[in-house]
Amino acid sequence: MDITGFLTEHQLPDSYRTTALKWFMPLAEEIAEHQKSANKPFFVGVNGCQGSGKSTLCDFLVHYFTSKNLTAVTVSLDDFYLSKQSRVELAESVHPLLKTRGVPGTHNTPLALQTFTALGETEDVALPRFNKAINDPFPSAQWPVIQAPVDIVLMEGWCWGVDAQAPQALNEPVNILESEEDPDGTWRNFVNDKITDEYESLYRFMQYWVMLKGPSFEHVYKWRCEQEHKLAAKTGKHNAGIMSDEQILRFIQHYQRLTEHAFATLPDKCNQVFELDENRIIKDVIRK
């Protein structure tokens, strides 16, 4: 399969060709084989810490499936973020840290359920989109519309698939953010309860799980800075939604607890786990 056009379209280095053909082509073939006998659509959950390459992997998979005359769509957990105003209201009523998008509890889970359900029905489906540059959803009139049902739905997110922690695991803070800004654990308990009450039921839509597993949380800062620099180059570094490296350092502490929990627990539930090195190069894959 020639993926030169895909590399050009996504401005990827030629080295990505080796990654795609060696690691992701077999994954695509396995998913395509599974969907033949599954209820449509076939839902695939894709987990990976920030900057691990989830979006690019999903783009490649859609490219592959399209070449095989399969209809596929990528949905991101990020696109279900609550509006800025809704998060301000959460911050005022529950905890100030909920003003920052990211953790469970800052997503519109009823909209996610509605979208998943609609993707399996015979109707047009508008896919939510979130504008990170302005920290608010795009107007619904600008959401892309696809015709359902589709063959394959790829659902990706940094905490997608992560189960709630045991209550006792929440007692000790994991970083300065938690110790100084959530000393009594209100924020992290709220997040944990939301996973149990709202997210775990959404996970049950998934019929296949994939994980891009980073080497440690320490690498997330480097990768997240790279993402923000690319966004700044695309939208302008003076855009109000662009963060400095110092802001990113604080920002990612919101994600540390669940990222490390995912590293420890999520591989056991995944069909394929791609282990990444510090440069996001795949070292190995663990298959079930």
C-alpha atoms as a PDB file:
ATOM      1  CA  MET A   1       0.000   0.000   0.000  1.00  0.00           C
ATOM      2  CA  ASP A   2       1.451   3.374  -1.056  1.00  0.00           C
ATOM      3  CA  ILE A   3       1.025   6.001   1.675  1.00  0.00           C
ATOM      4  CA  THR A   4       3.056   8.786   0.050  1.00  0.00           C
ATOM      5  CA  GLY A   5      -0.059  10.918  -0.382  1.00  0.00           C
ATOM      6  CA  PHE A   6      -0.953  10.439   3.280  1.00  0.00           C
ATOM      7  CA  LEU A   7       2.525  11.516   4.405  1.00  0.00           C
ATOM      8  CA  THR A   8       2.390  14.608   2.212  1.00  0.00           C
ATOM      9  CA  GLU A   9      -1.113  15.582   3.302  1.00  0.00           C
ATOM     10  CA  HIS A  10      -0.223  15.340   6.994  1.00  0.00           C
ATOM     11  CA  GLN A  11       3.290  16.790   6.589  1.00  0.00           C
ATOM     12  CA  LEU A  12       4.879  13.712   8.102  1.00  0.00           C
ATOM     13  CA  PRO A  13       8.528  12.696   7.692  1.00  0.00           C
ATOM     14  CA  ASP A  14       9.292   9.734   5.476  1.00  0.00           C
ATOM     15  CA  SER A  15      10.331   7.806   8.608  1.00  0.00           C
ATOM     16  CA  TYR A  16       6.631   7.576   9.479  1.00  0.00           C
ATOM     17  CA  ARG A  17       6.261   5.278   6.475  1.00  0.00           C
ATOM     18  CA  THR A  18       8.243   2.588   8.283  1.00  0.00           C
ATOM     19  CA  THR A  19       6.173   3.014  11.448  1.00  0.00           C
ATOM     20  CA  ALA A  20       2.903   2.820   9.551  1.00  0.00           C
ATOM     21  CA  LEU A  21       3.808  -0.198   7.466  1.00  0.00           C
ATOM     22  CA  LYS A  22       5.530  -2.175  10.242  1.00  0.00           C
ATOM     23  CA  TRP A  23       3.256  -1.452  13.166  1.00  0.00           C
ATOM     24  CA  PHE A  24      -0.007   0.170  12.118  1.00  0.00           C
ATOM     25  CA  MET A  25      -0.802  -1.738   8.943  1.00  0.00           C
ATOM     26  CA  PRO A  26      -1.169  -5.040  10.857  1.00  0.00           C
ATOM     27  CA  LEU A  27      -3.354  -3.212  13.395  1.00  0.00           C
ATOM     28  CA  ALA A  28      -5.558  -1.858  10.604  1.00  0.00           C
ATOM     29  CA  GLU A  29      -5.855  -5.297   9.025  1.00  0.00           C
ATOM     30  CA  GLU A  30      -6.870  -6.869  12.339  1.00  0.00           C
ATOM     31  CA  ILE A  31      -9.521  -4.218  13.011  1.00  0.00           C
ATOM     32  CA  ALA A  32     -10.876  -4.590   9.490  1.00  0.00           C
ATOM     33  CA  GLU A  33     -11.119  -8.347   9.988  1.00  0.00           C
ATOM     34  CA  HIS A  34     -12.914  -7.960  13.328  1.00  0.00           C
ATOM     35  CA  GLN A  35     -15.512  -5.573  11.949  1.00  0.00           C
ATOM     36  CA  LYS A  36     -16.660  -8.104   9.362  1.00  0.00           C
ATOM     37  CA  SER A  37     -18.509 -10.149  11.974  1.00  0.00           C
ATOM     38  CA  ALA A  38     -19.303  -7.375  14.475  1.00  0.00           C
ATOM     39  CA  ASN A  39     -22.349  -5.237  14.950  1.00  0.00           C
ATOM     40  CA  LYS A  40     -21.991  -2.012  13.002  1.00  0.00           C
ATOM     41  CA  PRO A  41     -20.363   0.276  13.702  1.00  0.00           C
ATOM     42  CA  PHE A  42     -17.288  -1.383  15.168  1.00  0.00           C
ATOM     43  CA  PHE A  43     -16.005   0.887  17.952  1.00  0.00           C
ATOM     44  CA  VAL A  44     -12.257   1.099  18.604  1.00  0.00           C
ATOM     45  CA  GLY A  45     -10.946   2.913  21.684  1.00  0.00           C
ATOM     46  CA  VAL A  46      -7.524   4.546  21.322  1.00  0.00           C
ATOM     47  CA  ASN A  47      -5.699   5.700  24.450  1.00  0.00           C
ATOM     48  CA  GLY A  48      -2.430   7.587  24.660  1.00  0.00           C
ATOM     49  CA  CYS A  49      -0.916  10.284  26.829  1.00  0.00           C
ATOM     50  CA  GLN A  50      -0.674  13.814  25.486  1.00  0.00           C
ATOM     51  CA  GLY A  51       1.575  14.076  22.452  1.00  0.00           C
ATOM     52  CA  SER A  52       1.848  10.323  21.913  1.00  0.00           C
ATOM     53  CA  GLY A  53       0.490  10.402  18.354  1.00  0.00           C
ATOM     54  CA  LYS A  54      -3.130   9.287  18.803  1.00  0.00           C
ATOM     55  CA  SER A  55      -4.553  11.664  16.212  1.00  0.00           C
ATOM     56  CA  THR A  56      -2.002  10.730  13.556  1.00  0.00           C
ATOM     57  CA  LEU A  57      -2.566   7.022  14.182  1.00  0.00           C
ATOM     58  CA  CYS A  58      -6.318   7.483  13.794  1.00  0.00           C
ATOM     59  CA  ASP A  59      -5.822   9.508  10.605  1.00  0.00           C
ATOM     60  CA  PHE A  60      -3.727   6.692   9.176  1.00  0.00           C
ATOM     61  CA  LEU A  61      -6.296   4.078  10.130  1.00  0.00           C
ATOM     62  CA  VAL A  62      -9.074   6.069   8.450  1.00  0.00           C
ATOM     63  CA  HIS A  63      -6.859   6.385   5.358  1.00  0.00           C
ATOM     64  CA  TYR A  64      -6.344   2.622   5.307  1.00  0.00           C
ATOM     65  CA  PHE A  65     -10.005   1.768   5.867  1.00  0.00           C
ATOM     66  CA  THR A  66     -11.102   4.185   3.156  1.00  0.00           C
ATOM     67  CA  SER A  67      -8.723   2.484   0.720  1.00  0.00           C
ATOM     68  CA  LYS A  68     -10.515  -0.783   1.536  1.00  0.00           C
ATOM     69  CA  ASN A  69     -13.944   0.759   0.874  1.00  0.00           C
ATOM     70  CA  LEU A  70     -14.817   0.873   4.548  1.00  0.00           C
ATOM     71  CA  THR A  71     -16.416   3.972   6.032  1.00  0.00           C
ATOM     72  CA  ALA A  72     -14.566   5.124   9.134  1.00  0.00           C
ATOM     73  CA  VAL A  73     -14.610   8.189  11.332  1.00  0.00           C
ATOM     74  CA  THR A  74     -12.463   9.494  14.173  1.00  0.00           C
ATOM     75  CA  VAL A  75     -14.066  11.022  17.242  1.00  0.00           C
ATOM     76  CA  SER A  76     -11.906  12.691  19.899  1.00  0.00           C
ATOM     77  CA  LEU A  77     -12.729  12.965  23.577  1.00  0.00           C
ATOM     78  CA  ASP A  78     -11.331  16.503  23.315  1.00  0.00           C
ATOM     79  CA  ASP A  79     -14.208  17.471  21.050  1.00  0.00           C
ATOM     80  CA  PHE A  80     -16.673  16.840  23.861  1.00  0.00           C
ATOM     81  CA  TYR A  81     -15.193  19.434  26.223  1.00  0.00           C
ATOM     82  CA  LEU A  82     -17.725  21.597  27.985  1.00  0.00           C
ATOM     83  CA  SER A  83     -17.873  25.246  27.017  1.00  0.00           C
ATOM     84  CA  LYS A  84     -15.699  27.759  28.807  1.00  0.00           C
ATOM     85  CA  GLN A  85     -18.758  29.149  30.580  1.00  0.00           C
ATOM     86  CA  SER A  86     -19.887  25.696  31.745  1.00  0.00           C
ATOM     87  CA  ARG A  87     -16.455  25.043  33.208  1.00  0.00           C
ATOM     88  CA  VAL A  88     -16.489  28.392  34.978  1.00  0.00           C
ATOM     89  CA  GLU A  89     -19.776  27.389  36.575  1.00  0.00           C
ATOM     90  CA  LEU A  90     -18.266  24.059  37.665  1.00  0.00           C
ATOM     91  CA  ALA A  91     -15.288  25.906  39.093  1.00  0.00           C
ATOM     92  CA  GLU A  92     -17.580  28.104  41.136  1.00  0.00           C
ATOM     93  CA  SER A  93     -19.896  25.336  42.349  1.00  0.00           C
ATOM     94  CA  VAL A  94     -17.460  22.440  42.875  1.00  0.00           C
ATOM     95  CA  HIS A  95     -13.757  23.354  42.656  1.00  0.00           C
ATOM     96  CA  PRO A  96     -11.646  26.038  40.930  1.00  0.00           C
ATOM     97  CA  LEU A  97      -9.488  23.453  39.112  1.00  0.00           C
ATOM     98  CA  LEU A  98     -12.500  22.408  37.023  1.00  0.00           C
ATOM     99  CA  LYS A  99     -12.166  25.626  35.057  1.00  0.00           C
ATOM    100  CA  THR A 100      -9.322  23.909  33.197  1.00  0.00           C
ATOM    101  CA  ARG A 101     -10.400  21.510  30.489  1.00  0.00           C
ATOM    102  CA  GLY A 102      -9.076  17.978  30.447  1.00  0.00           C
ATOM    103  CA  VAL A 103     -10.084  15.722  33.300  1.00  0.00           C
ATOM    104  CA  PRO A 104     -13.267  13.650  33.502  1.00  0.00           C
ATOM    105  CA  GLY A 105     -16.063  15.940  34.556  1.00  0.00           C
ATOM    106  CA  THR A 106     -15.104  18.609  32.009  1.00  0.00           C
ATOM    107  CA  HIS A 107     -16.702  16.752  29.078  1.00  0.00           C
ATOM    108  CA  ASN A 108     -20.249  16.736  27.766  1.00  0.00           C
ATOM    109  CA  THR A 109     -20.887  13.029  28.344  1.00  0.00           C
ATOM    110  CA  PRO A 110     -24.602  13.141  27.362  1.00  0.00           C
ATOM    111  CA  LEU A 111     -23.495  14.507  23.975  1.00  0.00           C
ATOM    112  CA  ALA A 112     -20.952  11.679  23.678  1.00  0.00           C
ATOM    113  CA  LEU A 113     -23.657   9.107  24.382  1.00  0.00           C
ATOM    114  CA  GLN A 114     -25.953  10.772  21.857  1.00  0.00           C
ATOM    115  CA  THR A 115     -23.200  10.792  19.227  1.00  0.00           C
ATOM    116  CA  PHE A 116     -22.200   7.151  19.765  1.00  0.00           C
ATOM    117  CA  THR A 117     -25.820   6.066  19.513  1.00  0.00           C
ATOM    118  CA  ALA A 118     -26.474   8.115  16.375  1.00  0.00           C
ATOM    119  CA  LEU A 119     -23.403   6.658  14.624  1.00  0.00           C
ATOM    120  CA  GLY A 120     -25.121   3.277  14.644  1.00  0.00           C
ATOM    121  CA  GLU A 121     -28.373   4.568  13.188  1.00  0.00           C
ATOM    122  CA  THR A 122     -29.394   5.446   9.651  1.00  0.00           C
ATOM    123  CA  GLU A 123     -29.246   9.216   9.743  1.00  0.00           C
ATOM    124  CA  ASP A 124     -26.891  12.132   9.268  1.00  0.00           C
ATOM    125  CA  VAL A 125     -24.683  12.733  12.308  1.00  0.00           C
ATOM    126  CA  ALA A 126     -22.999  16.014  13.203  1.00  0.00           C
ATOM    127  CA  LEU A 127     -19.654  15.339  14.907  1.00  0.00           C
ATOM    128  CA  PRO A 128     -18.794  17.818  17.692  1.00  0.00           C
ATOM    129  CA  ARG A 129     -15.635  19.851  17.289  1.00  0.00           C
ATOM    130  CA  PHE A 130     -13.744  21.857  19.935  1.00  0.00           C
ATOM    131  CA  ASN A 131     -11.600  24.887  19.134  1.00  0.00           C
ATOM    132  CA  LYS A 132      -8.592  24.690  21.464  1.00  0.00           C
ATOM    133  CA  ALA A 133      -7.267  28.017  20.220  1.00  0.00           C
ATOM    134  CA  ILE A 134     -10.208  29.825  21.842  1.00  0.00           C
ATOM    135  CA  ASN A 135     -10.936  27.167  24.492  1.00  0.00           C
ATOM    136  CA  ASP A 136     -14.564  26.738  23.393  1.00  0.00           C
ATOM    137  CA  PRO A 137     -16.560  24.416  21.114  1.00  0.00           C
ATOM    138  CA  PHE A 138     -17.020  25.384  17.506  1.00  0.00           C
ATOM    139  CA  PRO A 139     -20.606  26.461  16.762  1.00  0.00           C
ATOM    140  CA  SER A 140     -22.698  23.376  15.985  1.00  0.00           C
ATOM    141  CA  ALA A 141     -23.394  24.746  12.498  1.00  0.00           C
ATOM    142  CA  GLN A 142     -19.684  24.226  11.764  1.00  0.00           C
ATOM    143  CA  TRP A 143     -19.549  20.595  12.880  1.00  0.00           C
ATOM    144  CA  PRO A 144     -18.851  18.122  10.057  1.00  0.00           C
ATOM    145  CA  VAL A 145     -21.820  15.962   9.106  1.00  0.00           C
ATOM    146  CA  ILE A 146     -21.445  12.325   8.079  1.00  0.00           C
ATOM    147  CA  GLN A 147     -23.902   9.717   6.946  1.00  0.00           C
ATOM    148  CA  ALA A 148     -24.412   6.869   9.401  1.00  0.00           C
ATOM    149  CA  PRO A 149     -24.143   4.043  10.039  1.00  0.00           C
ATOM    150  CA  VAL A 150     -20.393   3.801   9.488  1.00  0.00           C
ATOM    151  CA  ASP A 151     -18.278   0.656   9.505  1.00  0.00           C
ATOM    152  CA  ILE A 152     -15.691   1.752  12.080  1.00  0.00           C
ATOM    153  CA  VAL A 153     -15.601   4.444  14.772  1.00  0.00           C
ATOM    154  CA  LEU A 154     -12.216   5.370  16.248  1.00  0.00           C
ATOM    155  CA  MET A 155     -12.633   7.076  19.618  1.00  0.00           C
ATOM    156  CA  GLU A 156      -9.415   8.573  20.976  1.00  0.00           C
ATOM    157  CA  GLY A 157      -8.510  10.390  24.178  1.00  0.00           C
ATOM    158  CA  TRP A 158      -5.742  10.827  26.718  1.00  0.00           C
ATOM    159  CA  CYS A 159      -7.832   9.286  29.533  1.00  0.00           C
ATOM    160  CA  TRP A 160     -10.157   7.233  27.354  1.00  0.00           C
ATOM    161  CA  GLY A 161     -10.652   3.792  28.881  1.00  0.00           C
ATOM    162  CA  VAL A 162      -9.165   4.682  32.269  1.00  0.00           C
ATOM    163  CA  ASP A 163     -11.210   3.301  35.155  1.00  0.00           C
ATOM    164  CA  ALA A 164     -11.756   5.019  38.503  1.00  0.00           C
ATOM    165  CA  GLN A 165      -9.119   4.631  41.191  1.00  0.00           C
ATOM    166  CA  ALA A 166      -9.686   2.998  44.544  1.00  0.00           C
ATOM    167  CA  PRO A 167     -10.737   5.650  47.109  1.00  0.00           C
ATOM    168  CA  GLN A 168      -7.595   5.192  49.182  1.00  0.00           C
ATOM    169  CA  ALA A 169      -5.436   5.979  46.145  1.00  0.00           C
ATOM    170  CA  LEU A 170      -6.788   9.529  46.202  1.00  0.00           C
ATOM    171  CA  ASN A 171      -5.535  10.352  49.689  1.00  0.00           C
ATOM    172  CA  GLU A 172      -2.012  11.410  48.763  1.00  0.00           C
ATOM    173  CA  PRO A 173      -1.397  14.182  46.186  1.00  0.00           C
ATOM    174  CA  VAL A 174       0.761  13.210  43.200  1.00  0.00           C
ATOM    175  CA  ASN A 175       2.215  16.675  42.473  1.00  0.00           C
ATOM    176  CA  ILE A 176       2.393  20.296  43.624  1.00  0.00           C
ATOM    177  CA  LEU A 177      -0.864  21.195  41.911  1.00  0.00           C
ATOM    178  CA  GLU A 178      -2.789  18.674  43.985  1.00  0.00           C
ATOM    179  CA  SER A 179      -1.001  19.408  47.244  1.00  0.00           C
ATOM    180  CA  GLU A 180      -1.363  23.184  46.985  1.00  0.00           C
ATOM    181  CA  GLU A 181      -4.630  23.634  45.070  1.00  0.00           C
ATOM    182  CA  ASP A 182      -6.565  20.494  46.065  1.00  0.00           C
ATOM    183  CA  PRO A 183      -5.297  19.754  49.593  1.00  0.00           C
ATOM    184  CA  ASP A 184      -8.565  18.177  50.778  1.00  0.00           C
ATOM    185  CA  GLY A 185      -9.029  16.076  47.621  1.00  0.00           C
ATOM    186  CA  THR A 186     -12.334  17.624  46.529  1.00  0.00           C
ATOM    187  CA  TRP A 187     -11.255  17.982  42.904  1.00  0.00           C
ATOM    188  CA  ARG A 188      -9.707  14.555  42.472  1.00  0.00           C
ATOM    189  CA  ASN A 189     -12.627  12.824  44.209  1.00  0.00           C
ATOM    190  CA  PHE A 190     -15.068  14.638  41.939  1.00  0.00           C
ATOM    191  CA  VAL A 191     -13.091  13.502  38.876  1.00  0.00           C
ATOM    192  CA  ASN A 192     -12.945   9.927  40.143  1.00  0.00           C
ATOM    193  CA  ASP A 193     -16.689   9.845  40.798  1.00  0.00           C
ATOM    194  CA  LYS A 194     -17.377  11.159  37.295  1.00  0.00           C
ATOM    195  CA  ILE A 195     -15.398   8.272  35.786  1.00  0.00           C
ATOM    196  CA  THR A 196     -17.557   5.793  37.666  1.00  0.00           C
ATOM    197  CA  ASP A 197     -20.861   7.558  37.050  1.00  0.00           C
ATOM    198  CA  GLU A 198     -20.491   8.674  33.429  1.00  0.00           C
ATOM    199  CA  TYR A 199     -17.390   7.471  31.592  1.00  0.00           C
ATOM    200  CA  GLU A 200     -17.270   3.757  32.333  1.00  0.00           C
ATOM    201  CA  SER A 201     -20.703   3.266  30.727  1.00  0.00           C
ATOM    202  CA  LEU A 202     -19.400   4.965  27.563  1.00  0.00           C
ATOM    203  CA  TYR A 203     -16.395   2.638  27.494  1.00  0.00           C
ATOM    204  CA  ARG A 204     -18.778  -0.281  26.977  1.00  0.00           C
ATOM    205  CA  PHE A 205     -19.422   0.895  23.420  1.00  0.00           C
ATOM    206  CA  MET A 206     -15.819  -0.025  22.596  1.00  0.00           C
ATOM    207  CA  GLN A 207     -15.239  -3.465  21.079  1.00  0.00           C
ATOM    208  CA  TYR A 208     -11.473  -3.172  20.629  1.00  0.00           C
ATOM    209  CA  TRP A 209      -8.808  -1.227  22.531  1.00  0.00           C
ATOM    210  CA  VAL A 210      -5.460   0.225  21.432  1.00  0.00           C
ATOM    211  CA  MET A 211      -2.900   2.049  23.582  1.00  0.00           C
ATOM    212  CA  LEU A 212       0.108   4.182  22.676  1.00  0.00           C
ATOM    213  CA  LYS A 213       2.056   3.823  25.933  1.00  0.00           C
ATOM    214  CA  GLY A 214       4.648   6.455  26.714  1.00  0.00           C
ATOM    215  CA  PRO A 215       7.740   5.603  28.775  1.00  0.00           C
ATOM    216  CA  SER A 216       6.769   7.856  31.705  1.00  0.00           C
ATOM    217  CA  PHE A 217       4.844  10.976  32.603  1.00  0.00           C
ATOM    218  CA  GLU A 218       8.072  13.014  32.538  1.00  0.00           C
ATOM    219  CA  HIS A 219       8.051  12.787  28.736  1.00  0.00           C
ATOM    220  CA  VAL A 220       4.558  14.276  28.474  1.00  0.00           C
ATOM    221  CA  TYR A 221       5.855  17.801  29.133  1.00  0.00           C
ATOM    222  CA  LYS A 222       8.277  17.650  26.207  1.00  0.00           C
ATOM    223  CA  TRP A 223       5.672  16.188  23.870  1.00  0.00           C
ATOM    224  CA  ARG A 224       2.978  18.640  24.984  1.00  0.00           C
ATOM    225  CA  CYS A 225       5.303  21.591  24.376  1.00  0.00           C
ATOM    226  CA  GLU A 226       5.931  20.320  20.866  1.00  0.00           C
ATOM    227  CA  GLN A 227       2.172  20.169  20.244  1.00  0.00           C
ATOM    228  CA  GLU A 228       1.656  23.721  21.479  1.00  0.00           C
ATOM    229  CA  HIS A 229       4.509  25.057  19.372  1.00  0.00           C
ATOM    230  CA  LYS A 230       2.935  23.513  16.275  1.00  0.00           C
ATOM    231  CA  LEU A 231      -0.448  25.006  17.165  1.00  0.00           C
ATOM    232  CA  ALA A 232       1.207  28.411  17.635  1.00  0.00           C
ATOM    233  CA  ALA A 233       2.874  28.137  14.239  1.00  0.00           C
ATOM    234  CA  LYS A 234      -0.476  27.311  12.666  1.00  0.00           C
ATOM    235  CA  THR A 235      -2.713  29.852  14.411  1.00  0.00           C
ATOM    236  CA  GLY A 236      -0.236  32.524  15.527  1.00  0.00           C
ATOM    237  CA  LYS A 237       1.799  32.634  18.735  1.00  0.00           C
ATOM    238  CA  HIS A 238      -0.169  35.633  20.006  1.00  0.00           C
ATOM    239  CA  ASN A 239      -3.464  33.741  19.896  1.00  0.00           C
ATOM    240  CA  ALA A 240      -5.084  33.984  23.315  1.00  0.00           C
ATOM    241  CA  GLY A 241      -5.436  30.193  23.555  1.00  0.00           C
ATOM    242  CA  ILE A 242      -1.729  29.424  23.102  1.00  0.00           C
ATOM    243  CA  MET A 243       0.166  28.476  26.265  1.00  0.00           C
ATOM    244  CA  SER A 244       3.764  29.219  27.164  1.00  0.00           C
ATOM    245  CA  ASP A 245       6.062  26.384  28.241  1.00  0.00           C
ATOM    246  CA  GLU A 246       5.643  27.513  31.859  1.00  0.00           C
ATOM    247  CA  GLN A 247       1.862  27.384  31.553  1.00  0.00           C
ATOM    248  CA  ILE A 248       2.072  23.922  30.007  1.00  0.00           C
ATOM    249  CA  LEU A 249       4.139  22.696  32.960  1.00  0.00           C
ATOM    250  CA  ARG A 250       1.302  23.588  35.333  1.00  0.00           C
ATOM    251  CA  PHE A 251      -1.390  22.504  32.886  1.00  0.00           C
ATOM    252  CA  ILE A 252      -0.145  18.935  32.519  1.00  0.00           C
ATOM    253  CA  GLN A 253      -0.199  18.410  36.279  1.00  0.00           C
ATOM    254  CA  HIS A 254      -3.989  18.212  35.915  1.00  0.00           C
ATOM    255  CA  TYR A 255      -3.378  15.044  33.862  1.00  0.00           C
ATOM    256  CA  GLN A 256      -0.614  13.356  35.842  1.00  0.00           C
ATOM    257  CA  ARG A 257      -2.717  11.242  38.190  1.00  0.00           C
ATOM    258  CA  LEU A 258      -4.818   9.566  35.508  1.00  0.00           C
ATOM    259  CA  THR A 259      -1.960   9.297  33.007  1.00  0.00           C
ATOM    260  CA  GLU A 260       0.105   7.320  35.491  1.00  0.00           C
ATOM    261  CA  HIS A 261      -2.966   5.290  36.457  1.00  0.00           C
ATOM    262  CA  ALA A 262      -3.422   4.474  32.758  1.00  0.00           C
ATOM    263  CA  PHE A 263       0.206   3.382  32.417  1.00  0.00           C
ATOM    264  CA  ALA A 264      -0.272   0.991  35.338  1.00  0.00           C
ATOM    265  CA  THR A 265      -3.706  -0.463  34.580  1.00  0.00           C
ATOM    266  CA  LEU A 266      -4.866   0.075  31.020  1.00  0.00           C
ATOM    267  CA  PRO A 267      -2.537  -2.322  29.138  1.00  0.00           C
ATOM    268  CA  ASP A 268      -4.367  -5.278  30.695  1.00  0.00           C
ATOM    269  CA  LYS A 269      -7.620  -4.376  28.935  1.00  0.00           C
ATOM    270  CA  CYS A 270      -6.118  -3.474  25.541  1.00  0.00           C
ATOM    271  CA  ASN A 271      -5.971  -5.686  22.467  1.00  0.00           C
ATOM    272  CA  GLN A 272      -2.760  -4.007  21.325  1.00  0.00           C
ATOM    273  CA  VAL A 273      -0.305  -1.859  23.303  1.00  0.00           C
ATOM    274  CA  PHE A 274       2.416   0.013  21.413  1.00  0.00           C
ATOM    275  CA  GLU A 275       5.319   0.827  23.714  1.00  0.00           C
ATOM    276  CA  LEU A 276       7.010   4.138  22.848  1.00  0.00           C
ATOM    277  CA  ASP A 277      10.506   5.346  23.639  1.00  0.00           C
ATOM    278  CA  GLU A 278      11.397   8.920  24.621  1.00  0.00           C
ATOM    279  CA  ASN A 279      11.281   9.997  20.960  1.00  0.00           C
ATOM    280  CA  ARG A 280       7.840   8.438  20.415  1.00  0.00           C
ATOM    281  CA  ILE A 281       9.352   5.652  18.339  1.00  0.00           C
ATOM    282  CA  ILE A 282       7.646   2.295  18.832  1.00  0.00           C
ATOM    283  CA  LYS A 283       9.873  -0.227  20.557  1.00  0.00           C
ATOM    284  CA  ASP A 284       7.466  -3.130  20.708  1.00  0.00           C
ATOM    285  CA  VAL A 285       3.831  -4.133  20.534  1.00  0.00           C
ATOM    286  CA  ILE A 286       2.006  -6.373  23.000  1.00  0.00           C
ATOM    287  CA  ARG A 287      -0.946  -8.175  21.482  1.00  0.00           C
ATOM    288  CA  LYS A 288      -3.711 -10.192  23.075  1.00  0.00           C
END
